[in-house]
Amino acid sequence: MMLNHRVRAAAEGMPRFDRAAIMAHAWRLYRNQWTGARPANLQARRKSFSRCLKSAWMTAKWDAAEALKTATQRAADRVQELTFELMRDDARDWRVSGRADRRAIYTEIAGLEGRA
């Protein structure tokens, strides 16, 4: 179902993106991918550039979302990452010692929770 009203590109709350920088990033990704590669047909190269452009847009949107986060949100995200790291550490083989890693992770989590 299509809506009958238009949403302006610069609507309030929506970030503005530097489309020239995004396109330049996509071309950099594309050139890095095809440098030294053997020749391919035009369709494969177009599909490849499409993926690079999509990746450049995803990166720009992620950067915009990260810029809007507060320090508390960043700390909460880091605590979640460290919790996942502890879970991965629990899944290690019992012969592998990770005590120093775990101690460092617990110290960092305590520091982050103390600031929040």
Protein backbone atom coordinates (compact mmCIF):
# COMPACT_ATOMS: atom_id res chain seq x y z
CA MET A 1 0.00 0.00 0.00
CA MET A 2 1.46 3.34 -1.03
CA LEU A 3 1.04 6.48 1.01
CA ASN A 4 -0.48 9.52 -0.64
CA HIS A 5 1.82 12.05 1.01
CA ARG A 6 5.44 12.78 0.25
CA VAL A 7 8.25 12.76 2.76
CA ARG A 8 10.74 15.53 2.20
CA ALA A 9 14.36 14.40 1.93
CA ALA A 10 15.46 16.94 4.52
CA ALA A 11 12.63 16.20 6.95
CA GLU A 12 13.28 16.96 10.58
CA GLY A 13 15.23 14.24 12.33
CA MET A 14 16.62 12.79 9.12
CA PRO A 15 20.35 13.29 8.59
CA ARG A 16 21.63 14.83 5.40
CA PHE A 17 24.24 12.79 3.59
CA ASP A 18 27.13 13.96 1.47
CA ARG A 19 26.27 12.03 -1.68
CA ALA A 20 29.52 12.97 -3.40
CA ALA A 21 31.54 11.49 -0.52
CA ILE A 22 29.39 8.35 -0.59
CA MET A 23 29.93 7.94 -4.34
CA ALA A 24 33.69 8.52 -3.92
CA HIS A 25 33.76 5.85 -1.20
CA ALA A 26 31.88 3.43 -3.48
CA TRP A 27 34.38 4.02 -6.29
CA ARG A 28 37.29 3.45 -3.88
CA LEU A 29 35.76 0.14 -2.80
CA TYR A 30 35.17 -0.83 -6.43
CA ARG A 31 38.72 0.01 -7.51
CA ASN A 32 40.20 -1.90 -4.56
CA GLN A 33 38.12 -4.91 -5.51
CA TRP A 34 39.00 -4.93 -9.21
CA THR A 35 42.67 -3.90 -9.04
CA GLY A 36 44.70 -6.79 -10.37
CA ALA A 37 41.60 -8.89 -11.01
CA ARG A 38 41.16 -10.75 -14.22
CA PRO A 39 38.76 -9.27 -16.79
CA ALA A 40 35.08 -9.94 -16.29
CA ASN A 41 32.03 -9.15 -18.32
CA LEU A 42 30.23 -5.82 -18.02
CA GLN A 43 27.29 -7.32 -16.14
CA ALA A 44 29.55 -8.70 -13.40
CA ARG A 45 31.28 -5.35 -13.00
CA ARG A 46 27.95 -3.50 -12.76
CA LYS A 47 26.71 -5.91 -10.15
CA SER A 48 29.97 -5.45 -8.28
CA PHE A 49 29.65 -1.65 -8.34
CA SER A 50 26.08 -1.99 -7.11
CA ARG A 51 27.32 -3.92 -4.07
CA CYS A 52 30.05 -1.32 -3.46
CA LEU A 53 27.53 1.53 -3.62
CA LYS A 54 25.18 -0.30 -1.26
CA SER A 55 28.08 -0.84 1.14
CA ALA A 56 29.05 2.84 0.98
CA TRP A 57 25.47 3.88 1.83
CA MET A 58 25.32 1.42 4.73
CA THR A 59 28.59 2.81 6.07
CA ALA A 60 27.34 6.40 5.83
CA LYS A 61 24.09 5.53 7.61
CA TRP A 62 25.96 3.64 10.34
CA ASP A 63 28.32 6.58 10.85
CA ALA A 64 25.32 8.96 11.13
CA ALA A 65 23.65 6.69 13.69
CA GLU A 66 26.88 6.44 15.70
CA ALA A 67 27.27 10.23 15.69
CA LEU A 68 23.79 10.64 17.22
CA LYS A 69 24.47 8.25 20.11
CA THR A 70 25.08 9.66 23.55
CA ALA A 71 27.97 8.62 25.76
CA THR A 72 25.61 6.49 27.86
CA GLN A 73 24.38 4.64 24.77
CA ARG A 74 27.96 4.05 23.62
CA ALA A 75 28.85 2.69 27.07
CA ALA A 76 25.81 0.39 27.01
CA ASP A 77 26.79 -0.90 23.55
CA ARG A 78 30.34 -1.56 24.76
CA VAL A 79 29.06 -3.44 27.82
CA GLN A 80 26.95 -5.59 25.50
CA GLU A 81 29.97 -6.30 23.27
CA LEU A 82 32.03 -7.28 26.31
CA THR A 83 29.25 -9.54 27.56
CA PHE A 84 29.27 -11.32 24.21
CA GLU A 85 33.05 -11.63 24.49
CA LEU A 86 32.61 -13.31 27.89
CA MET A 87 30.14 -15.75 26.32
CA ARG A 88 32.66 -16.57 23.59
CA ASP A 89 35.27 -17.06 26.29
CA ASP A 90 32.97 -19.50 28.10
CA ALA A 91 32.76 -21.53 24.90
CA ARG A 92 36.55 -21.96 24.72
CA ASP A 93 38.18 -25.31 25.26
CA TRP A 94 38.80 -25.93 28.96
CA ARG A 95 42.52 -26.30 28.32
CA VAL A 96 42.79 -22.73 27.05
CA SER A 97 43.35 -20.27 29.86
CA GLY A 98 41.58 -16.97 29.50
CA ARG A 99 41.81 -15.68 33.06
CA ALA A 100 43.76 -12.54 32.15
CA ASP A 101 41.31 -11.77 29.33
CA ARG A 102 38.31 -12.28 31.61
CA ARG A 103 39.84 -10.13 34.33
CA ALA A 104 40.44 -7.30 31.84
CA ILE A 105 36.88 -7.58 30.52
CA TYR A 106 35.37 -7.52 34.03
CA THR A 107 37.49 -4.48 34.89
CA GLU A 108 36.34 -2.63 31.78
CA ILE A 109 32.67 -3.50 32.42
CA ALA A 110 32.95 -2.24 36.00
CA GLY A 111 34.49 1.01 34.77
CA LEU A 112 31.77 1.53 32.17
CA GLU A 113 28.96 0.78 34.62
CA GLY A 114 30.52 3.17 37.14
CA ARG A 115 30.40 6.03 34.61
CA ALA A 116 26.81 5.42 33.52
